[in-house]
Amino acid sequence: MIFAHISDIHLRPEGDLAHDVADTAVGLASAVERLSALDPPADAVFVTGDLVDSPDAESYAQLRRLLDPLPVPVYLIPGNRDDRANFRAAFADTGYLPKNGAFLHYAVEDLPVRFLALDTLKEGAKTGEMCAERLAWLEDRLDEAPDRPTVILMHHPPFKTGVPFMDGQDFEGADAFTGIVGRHENVERVLCGHLHRAIQRRFAGTLACVAPSTAFHMPLDLRPDSDLNLVLEPAAGFLHVWSPGIGMVTHTLPLVEHPGPFPFRRRPAPGSA
């Protein structure tokens, strides 16, 4: 099975630049074109939140139009920039979002790998949260299928990264979440967004991956006094490949046009005929 993971689209109207520098609509269109051309194709695309910059109905309608060319199923979860009601209304006919309830968790059961998508949105805050109700939902779903390879998707990373301006936001419920994941050895990945950089770390007995953004990136600044800025690094995502007997392998996937591929040219060794 092959599936793509992108994040933090921050979609704005065409020509309206995020932070006066980033054309997020162009970034998403480029990502869709790249993902549509994969050979072999992906089985699904997952998007881990901050889908739009202004969470009104028009923005979600624009998001649907830009995602529609993708020839494979697309699964989305909310981030701190999103509005649950408008998001649910815009994608109600897709079949994977719950029709009611306070949170937008769901499970994808019909693929070789099981996916549990979590809603970590805390109303009115940038920080993430897994309250008692959400933690119970996750543990119940994990207990249902302890032998199936499972991927957890969420917007907010429940761990520190070592980058000071990224680590100033606490994740409520992180310790309890870590304990639940650590008790389930079948969790292949915890896939996140929010930080606008490609980051990996060992977490609760598995591998956690933060996807880069299709819109703009945060600089890699490890200085204690680092400031919050953005950089226009090339858009990228992850491509995860799972197969029985091997498990899951994660690749970083550029989502912009680039030269190549070119054939390797073998040159004769110096002094050879």
Protein backbone atom coordinates (compact mmCIF):
# COMPACT_ATOMS: atom_id res chain seq x y z
CA MET A 1 0.00 0.00 0.00
CA ILE A 2 1.15 3.54 -0.84
CA PHE A 3 -0.34 6.63 0.73
CA ALA A 4 0.61 10.31 0.68
CA HIS A 5 0.60 12.67 3.65
CA ILE A 6 0.45 16.43 3.16
CA SER A 7 -0.35 19.18 5.63
CA ASP A 8 -0.93 22.83 6.42
CA ILE A 9 -2.41 24.06 3.17
CA HIS A 10 -3.52 27.39 4.68
CA LEU A 11 -5.56 27.99 1.55
CA ARG A 12 -6.26 31.61 0.69
CA PRO A 13 -8.20 33.01 -2.29
CA GLU A 14 -6.33 32.93 -5.57
CA GLY A 15 -3.76 35.72 -5.70
CA ASP A 16 -4.12 36.55 -1.98
CA LEU A 17 -0.72 35.86 -0.45
CA ALA A 18 -0.34 34.43 3.05
CA HIS A 19 1.84 36.76 5.13
CA ASP A 20 2.23 38.81 1.91
CA VAL A 21 4.67 36.26 0.41
CA ALA A 22 3.15 32.76 -0.01
CA ASP A 23 0.65 31.87 -2.74
CA THR A 24 -0.96 28.94 -0.98
CA ALA A 25 -3.44 28.20 -3.77
CA VAL A 26 -0.57 27.71 -6.22
CA GLY A 27 1.20 25.54 -3.67
CA LEU A 28 -1.81 23.25 -3.33
CA ALA A 29 -2.37 23.07 -7.09
CA SER A 30 1.26 22.04 -7.56
CA ALA A 31 0.91 19.37 -4.88
CA VAL A 32 -2.25 17.98 -6.49
CA GLU A 33 -0.52 17.83 -9.89
CA ARG A 34 2.49 16.00 -8.44
CA LEU A 35 0.40 13.54 -6.44
CA SER A 36 -1.86 12.85 -9.42
CA ALA A 37 1.16 11.87 -11.53
CA LEU A 38 2.63 9.32 -9.11
CA ASP A 39 3.54 6.02 -10.77
CA PRO A 40 2.57 3.71 -9.21
CA PRO A 41 -0.33 5.77 -7.90
CA ALA A 42 -1.04 6.30 -4.23
CA ASP A 43 -3.99 4.45 -2.71
CA ALA A 44 -5.04 7.52 -0.71
CA VAL A 45 -4.00 11.01 0.34
CA PHE A 46 -4.28 12.22 3.94
CA VAL A 47 -4.17 15.91 4.91
CA THR A 48 -3.40 16.74 8.54
CA GLY A 49 -5.10 20.05 9.17
CA ASP A 50 -4.90 23.80 8.78
CA LEU A 51 -6.76 23.25 5.55
CA VAL A 52 -7.69 26.90 5.04
CA ASP A 53 -6.49 30.22 6.42
CA SER A 54 -9.94 31.76 6.94
CA PRO A 55 -12.42 28.98 7.80
CA ASP A 56 -15.49 30.26 5.97
CA ALA A 57 -17.73 28.33 3.60
CA GLU A 58 -16.16 29.92 0.51
CA SER A 59 -12.67 28.78 1.51
CA TYR A 60 -13.77 25.18 1.97
CA ALA A 61 -15.58 25.27 -1.37
CA GLN A 62 -12.36 26.49 -2.99
CA LEU A 63 -10.46 23.69 -1.22
CA ARG A 64 -12.81 21.09 -2.69
CA ARG A 65 -12.35 22.47 -6.18
CA LEU A 66 -8.56 22.30 -5.91
CA LEU A 67 -8.57 18.79 -4.44
CA ASP A 68 -11.12 17.37 -6.89
CA PRO A 69 -8.55 16.50 -9.61
CA LEU A 70 -6.87 13.96 -7.32
CA PRO A 71 -7.74 10.51 -8.72
CA VAL A 72 -7.63 8.75 -5.32
CA PRO A 73 -9.59 9.10 -2.06
CA VAL A 74 -8.64 12.12 0.05
CA TYR A 75 -9.10 12.21 3.83
CA LEU A 76 -8.86 15.45 5.80
CA ILE A 77 -8.79 16.39 9.48
CA PRO A 78 -9.09 19.82 11.09
CA GLY A 79 -6.26 21.93 12.48
CA ASN A 80 -6.31 24.99 14.68
CA ARG A 81 -7.09 27.24 11.68
CA ASP A 82 -10.22 25.25 10.80
CA ASP A 83 -13.87 25.51 11.79
CA ARG A 84 -15.56 22.18 12.50
CA ALA A 85 -19.04 23.19 11.35
CA ASN A 86 -18.00 24.72 8.03
CA PHE A 87 -15.51 21.93 7.33
CA ARG A 88 -18.09 19.22 8.08
CA ALA A 89 -20.73 20.94 5.94
CA ALA A 90 -18.38 21.30 2.95
CA PHE A 91 -17.29 17.63 3.03
CA ALA A 92 -20.45 16.00 4.40
CA ASP A 93 -21.00 13.89 1.29
CA THR A 94 -17.55 12.26 1.38
CA GLY A 95 -18.75 9.62 3.83
CA TYR A 96 -15.82 9.52 6.23
CA LEU A 97 -16.63 12.44 8.53
CA PRO A 98 -19.04 11.77 11.43
CA LYS A 99 -22.46 13.27 10.83
CA ASN A 100 -22.82 14.45 14.42
CA GLY A 101 -20.92 14.73 17.67
CA ALA A 102 -18.56 17.34 19.04
CA PHE A 103 -15.40 16.00 17.37
CA LEU A 104 -14.40 14.94 13.87
CA HIS A 105 -12.57 11.66 14.55
CA TYR A 106 -13.01 8.76 12.17
CA ALA A 107 -11.49 5.42 11.20
CA VAL A 108 -10.62 4.24 7.69
CA GLU A 109 -11.07 0.48 7.70
CA ASP A 110 -11.07 -0.63 4.05
CA LEU A 111 -7.35 -0.35 3.28
CA PRO A 112 -4.49 -2.77 4.11
CA VAL A 113 -3.42 -0.36 6.86
CA ARG A 114 -5.98 0.95 9.36
CA PHE A 115 -6.14 4.73 9.85
CA LEU A 116 -7.40 6.54 12.93
CA ALA A 117 -7.87 10.27 12.30
CA LEU A 118 -8.02 12.48 15.39
CA ASP A 119 -9.51 15.92 15.97
CA THR A 120 -7.04 17.79 18.22
CA LEU A 121 -8.61 21.22 17.69
CA LYS A 122 -9.07 23.31 20.82
CA GLU A 123 -11.55 26.10 20.17
CA GLY A 124 -9.96 29.55 20.14
CA ALA A 125 -6.40 28.28 20.62
CA LYS A 126 -3.36 27.38 18.55
CA THR A 127 -2.49 24.56 20.91
CA GLY A 128 -3.66 20.97 20.57
CA GLU A 129 -5.80 18.97 22.95
CA MET A 130 -6.83 15.37 23.56
CA CYS A 131 -9.49 15.53 26.25
CA ALA A 132 -10.85 12.52 28.15
CA GLU A 133 -13.59 11.90 25.56
CA ARG A 134 -11.15 11.95 22.67
CA LEU A 135 -8.63 9.77 24.48
CA ALA A 136 -11.35 7.22 25.25
CA TRP A 137 -12.37 7.14 21.58
CA LEU A 138 -8.79 6.46 20.53
CA GLU A 139 -8.22 3.71 23.07
CA ASP A 140 -11.50 2.01 22.18
CA ARG A 141 -10.61 2.01 18.47
CA LEU A 142 -7.10 0.66 19.13
CA ASP A 143 -8.48 -2.09 21.37
CA GLU A 144 -10.84 -3.19 18.58
CA ALA A 145 -8.05 -4.34 16.25
CA PRO A 146 -4.82 -4.96 18.21
CA ASP A 147 -3.24 -6.97 15.40
CA ARG A 148 -3.87 -4.64 12.45
CA PRO A 149 -1.11 -2.26 11.35
CA THR A 150 -2.46 1.17 12.29
CA VAL A 151 -1.57 4.77 11.54
CA ILE A 152 -2.74 7.65 13.76
CA LEU A 153 -3.24 11.04 12.10
CA MET A 154 -3.50 14.31 14.01
CA HIS A 155 -2.73 17.97 13.43
CA HIS A 156 -0.79 18.88 16.56
CA PRO A 157 2.40 16.97 17.43
CA PRO A 158 2.17 15.75 21.06
CA PHE A 159 5.92 16.13 21.72
CA LYS A 160 8.77 18.64 21.83
CA THR A 161 11.06 19.12 18.82
CA GLY A 162 14.06 21.03 20.17
CA VAL A 163 13.16 24.13 18.13
CA PRO A 164 12.33 26.77 20.77
CA PHE A 165 9.60 28.72 18.97
CA MET A 166 7.88 25.43 18.08
CA ASP A 167 7.97 24.09 21.63
CA GLY A 168 6.26 26.99 23.37
CA GLN A 169 2.78 25.55 22.85
CA ASP A 170 1.70 22.81 25.26
CA PHE A 171 -0.39 19.89 24.04
CA GLU A 172 -3.09 19.14 26.61
CA GLY A 173 -3.44 15.42 27.23
CA ALA A 174 -0.04 14.60 25.73
CA ASP A 175 1.03 12.29 28.56
CA ALA A 176 -2.16 10.26 28.44
CA PHE A 177 -1.99 10.08 24.66
CA THR A 178 1.62 8.87 24.83
CA GLY A 179 0.61 6.15 27.28
CA ILE A 180 -2.20 4.90 25.04
CA VAL A 181 0.02 4.72 21.97
CA GLY A 182 2.79 3.03 23.94
CA ARG A 183 0.42 0.22 24.95
CA HIS A 184 -0.37 -0.66 21.33
CA GLU A 185 2.57 -2.12 19.43
CA ASN A 186 0.63 -2.24 16.15
CA VAL A 187 0.81 1.58 15.74
CA GLU A 188 3.12 1.98 12.74
CA ARG A 189 3.20 5.78 12.63
CA VAL A 190 1.86 8.89 14.33
CA LEU A 191 1.49 11.45 11.53
CA CYS A 192 1.16 15.15 12.34
CA GLY A 193 1.33 18.64 10.88
CA HIS A 194 1.25 22.14 12.40
CA LEU A 195 5.01 22.80 12.51
CA HIS A 196 5.63 23.39 8.78
CA ARG A 197 8.81 21.30 8.71
CA ALA A 198 9.72 17.67 8.03
CA ILE A 199 10.48 16.27 11.48
CA GLN A 200 10.80 12.66 12.70
CA ARG A 201 11.36 11.28 16.16
CA ARG A 202 10.96 8.09 18.14
CA PHE A 203 7.73 8.35 20.11
CA ALA A 204 5.91 5.93 22.41
CA GLY A 205 7.49 2.89 20.78
CA THR A 206 6.76 3.99 17.24
CA LEU A 207 7.85 6.70 14.77
CA ALA A 208 6.23 10.12 14.73
CA CYS A 209 6.46 12.20 11.55
CA VAL A 210 5.58 15.87 11.14
CA ALA A 211 4.87 16.67 7.51
CA PRO A 212 6.18 19.79 5.83
CA SER A 213 3.68 22.24 4.37
CA THR A 214 2.37 22.82 0.87
CA ALA A 215 2.20 26.55 1.68
CA PHE A 216 5.33 27.80 3.47
CA HIS A 217 7.83 26.55 6.05
CA MET A 218 9.25 27.53 9.39
CA PRO A 219 13.03 27.94 9.36
CA LEU A 220 15.24 25.35 11.04
CA ASP A 221 16.50 27.62 13.82
CA LEU A 222 17.89 25.86 16.91
CA ARG A 223 19.10 29.02 18.69
CA PRO A 224 17.55 29.55 22.14
CA ASP A 225 16.42 33.05 21.17
CA SER A 226 15.02 32.10 17.75
CA ASP A 227 12.08 34.13 16.45
CA LEU A 228 8.97 33.01 14.61
CA ASN A 229 9.53 33.58 10.89
CA LEU A 230 8.74 31.76 7.68
CA VAL A 231 10.75 30.67 4.65
CA LEU A 232 9.67 29.71 1.15
CA GLU A 233 11.32 26.32 0.96
CA PRO A 234 9.93 24.00 -1.74
CA ALA A 235 6.60 22.40 -0.86
CA ALA A 236 6.88 18.77 0.18
CA GLY A 237 5.03 15.92 1.85
CA PHE A 238 5.56 12.29 2.76
CA LEU A 239 4.98 9.11 0.80
CA HIS A 240 4.54 6.06 3.02
CA VAL A 241 4.88 2.55 1.63
CA TRP A 242 3.65 -0.47 3.59
CA SER A 243 3.98 -4.12 2.67
CA PRO A 244 3.67 -7.38 4.64
CA GLY A 245 6.97 -8.66 5.94
CA ILE A 246 8.67 -5.27 5.54
CA GLY A 247 6.40 -2.87 7.38
CA MET A 248 6.26 0.84 6.69
CA VAL A 249 8.90 2.95 4.98
CA THR A 250 8.56 6.75 4.80
CA HIS A 251 9.94 8.90 1.98
CA THR A 252 10.06 12.69 1.71
CA LEU A 253 8.33 13.75 -1.51
CA PRO A 254 8.99 17.13 -3.19
CA LEU A 255 5.74 18.61 -4.48
CA VAL A 256 7.15 21.11 -6.97
CA GLU A 257 8.61 20.69 -10.44
CA HIS A 258 12.29 19.82 -10.51
CA PRO A 259 14.76 18.59 -13.16
CA GLY A 260 15.26 14.88 -13.83
CA PRO A 261 15.39 12.00 -13.70
CA PHE A 262 18.69 11.69 -15.55
CA PRO A 263 20.53 8.44 -16.32
CA PHE A 264 23.71 7.69 -14.40
CA ARG A 265 26.75 8.09 -16.66
CA ARG A 266 29.57 5.74 -15.80
CA ARG A 267 32.92 7.36 -16.42
CA PRO A 268 36.08 5.30 -16.96
CA ALA A 269 38.50 5.24 -14.04
CA PRO A 270 41.50 7.61 -14.41
CA GLY A 271 44.28 5.93 -16.39
CA SER A 272 42.08 3.16 -17.83
CA ALA A 273 41.95 2.56 -21.56
